[in-house]
């Protein structure tokens, strides 16, 4: 049996579908109300939380989960980078893979983007 081709739009769509379904699944906890989740942002933080930081600060944030009273400062903020590969779904996420960069400056690895977002939150 021939394996399906996972390049271009097919691979991108599979990743987008996974990302959207994952964010939706997290958002369903808002209906429950038992774990303290008060807000969910997709593709970065809430707009008011991103102000004052360079735009690329949040490039590695696919989903942000806010915990605590929505009318006050959050008790906790969880930032997530969601990864999925339809071509290689069983490939493990090793430290080497998390640190791998694909640009000439070697500054776009998953861990580097999450570190930039963490630094932005800490500021």
Protein backbone atom coordinates (compact mmCIF):
# COMPACT_ATOMS: atom_id res chain seq x y z
CA UNK A 1 0.00 0.00 0.00
CA UNK A 2 1.34 3.44 -0.93
CA UNK A 3 1.82 5.88 1.93
CA UNK A 4 0.01 9.22 1.60
CA UNK A 5 2.06 12.28 0.69
CA UNK A 6 2.43 14.69 3.62
CA UNK A 7 3.85 17.81 2.04
CA UNK A 8 2.34 21.20 1.44
CA UNK A 9 -1.34 21.77 2.17
CA UNK A 10 -2.13 18.26 3.43
CA UNK A 11 0.52 18.42 6.14
CA UNK A 12 -0.35 22.00 7.03
CA UNK A 13 -4.07 21.23 7.24
CA UNK A 14 -3.45 18.19 9.46
CA UNK A 15 -1.38 20.33 11.83
CA UNK A 16 -3.98 23.11 11.83
CA UNK A 17 -6.79 20.64 12.51
CA UNK A 18 -4.88 19.11 15.43
CA UNK A 19 -4.08 22.57 16.82
CA UNK A 20 -7.70 23.75 16.59
CA UNK A 21 -9.11 20.57 18.14
CA UNK A 22 -6.55 20.70 20.94
CA UNK A 23 -7.45 24.33 21.73
CA UNK A 24 -11.16 23.47 21.63
CA UNK A 25 -10.62 20.58 24.03
CA UNK A 26 -8.83 22.91 26.46
CA UNK A 27 -11.61 25.49 26.09
CA UNK A 28 -14.27 22.97 27.10
CA UNK A 29 -12.85 23.15 30.64
CA UNK A 30 -14.29 26.68 30.80
CA UNK A 31 -17.76 25.10 30.90
CA UNK A 32 -16.84 22.83 33.81
CA UNK A 33 -15.46 25.55 36.05
CA UNK A 34 -13.86 23.11 38.49
CA UNK A 35 -10.17 23.58 37.65
CA UNK A 36 -10.01 27.38 37.81
CA UNK A 37 -9.58 27.96 34.07
CA UNK A 38 -10.98 31.42 33.36
CA UNK A 39 -9.83 32.25 29.81
CA UNK A 40 -8.20 30.74 26.74
CA UNK A 41 -6.31 32.61 24.02
CA UNK A 42 -5.26 31.07 20.71
CA UNK A 43 -2.18 32.17 18.74
CA UNK A 44 -0.60 34.20 21.51
CA UNK A 45 -1.90 35.84 24.65
CA UNK A 46 -4.93 38.07 25.19
CA UNK A 47 -4.40 41.31 23.25
CA UNK A 48 -4.05 43.39 26.41
CA UNK A 49 -1.35 41.03 27.71
CA UNK A 50 0.73 41.29 24.53
CA UNK A 51 1.02 45.10 24.64
CA UNK A 52 4.48 46.53 25.17
CA UNK A 53 6.39 43.47 23.95
CA UNK A 54 7.89 42.92 20.50
CA UNK A 55 5.51 40.95 18.25
CA UNK A 56 7.87 37.97 17.91
CA UNK A 57 7.79 37.51 21.71
CA UNK A 58 4.66 35.38 21.32
CA UNK A 59 5.59 33.54 18.09
CA UNK A 60 5.95 30.24 19.96
CA UNK A 61 2.64 30.48 21.81
CA UNK A 62 -0.14 28.48 20.20
CA UNK A 63 -2.51 28.53 23.15
CA UNK A 64 -2.58 30.36 26.49
CA UNK A 65 -4.59 29.15 29.46
CA UNK A 66 -5.45 31.65 32.19
CA UNK A 67 -6.32 30.40 35.67
CA UNK A 68 -7.96 32.34 38.49
CA UNK A 69 -10.49 35.13 38.78
CA UNK A 70 -11.01 36.72 35.36
CA UNK A 71 -11.56 40.15 36.98
CA UNK A 72 -8.14 40.16 38.66
CA UNK A 73 -4.58 39.24 37.74
CA UNK A 74 -4.44 35.52 36.90
CA UNK A 75 -3.20 33.05 39.50
CA UNK A 76 -1.37 31.16 36.75
CA UNK A 77 -0.74 31.42 33.03
CA UNK A 78 0.13 28.33 30.99
CA UNK A 79 1.56 28.82 27.51
CA UNK A 80 1.51 25.93 25.07
CA UNK A 81 3.26 25.18 21.82
CA UNK A 82 1.21 22.50 20.06
CA UNK A 83 3.08 20.25 17.63
CA UNK A 84 1.73 17.51 15.40
CA UNK A 85 3.17 15.67 12.44
CA UNK A 86 0.81 13.63 10.27
CA UNK A 87 3.84 12.26 8.41
CA UNK A 88 5.69 11.14 11.57
CA UNK A 89 3.17 10.99 14.45
CA UNK A 90 5.24 8.48 16.43
CA UNK A 91 8.50 10.49 16.36
CA UNK A 92 9.51 11.32 19.92
CA UNK A 93 10.13 14.88 21.05
CA UNK A 94 13.71 14.65 22.29
CA UNK A 95 15.79 17.48 23.74
CA UNK A 96 17.71 17.60 20.46
CA UNK A 97 14.52 17.95 18.44
CA UNK A 98 13.19 20.69 20.75
CA UNK A 99 16.45 22.61 20.31
CA UNK A 100 16.70 22.20 16.53
CA UNK A 101 16.55 25.47 14.59
CA UNK A 102 15.73 25.83 10.91
CA UNK A 103 16.85 29.39 10.14
CA UNK A 104 20.35 30.74 9.50
CA UNK A 105 20.45 32.60 12.84
CA UNK A 106 19.60 29.34 14.67
CA UNK A 107 17.12 31.16 16.91
CA UNK A 108 13.77 29.66 15.92
CA UNK A 109 13.80 26.35 17.76
CA UNK A 110 10.73 25.39 19.76
CA UNK A 111 12.58 25.79 23.05
CA UNK A 112 13.97 29.20 22.01
CA UNK A 113 10.49 30.47 21.13
CA UNK A 114 9.09 29.23 24.45
CA UNK A 115 12.01 30.83 26.30
CA UNK A 116 11.29 34.14 24.55
CA UNK A 117 7.63 33.91 25.57
CA UNK A 118 8.61 33.04 29.16
CA UNK A 119 10.93 36.04 29.27
CA UNK A 120 8.09 38.22 27.97
CA UNK A 121 5.74 36.91 30.68
CA UNK A 122 8.35 37.35 33.39
CA UNK A 123 8.84 41.00 32.36
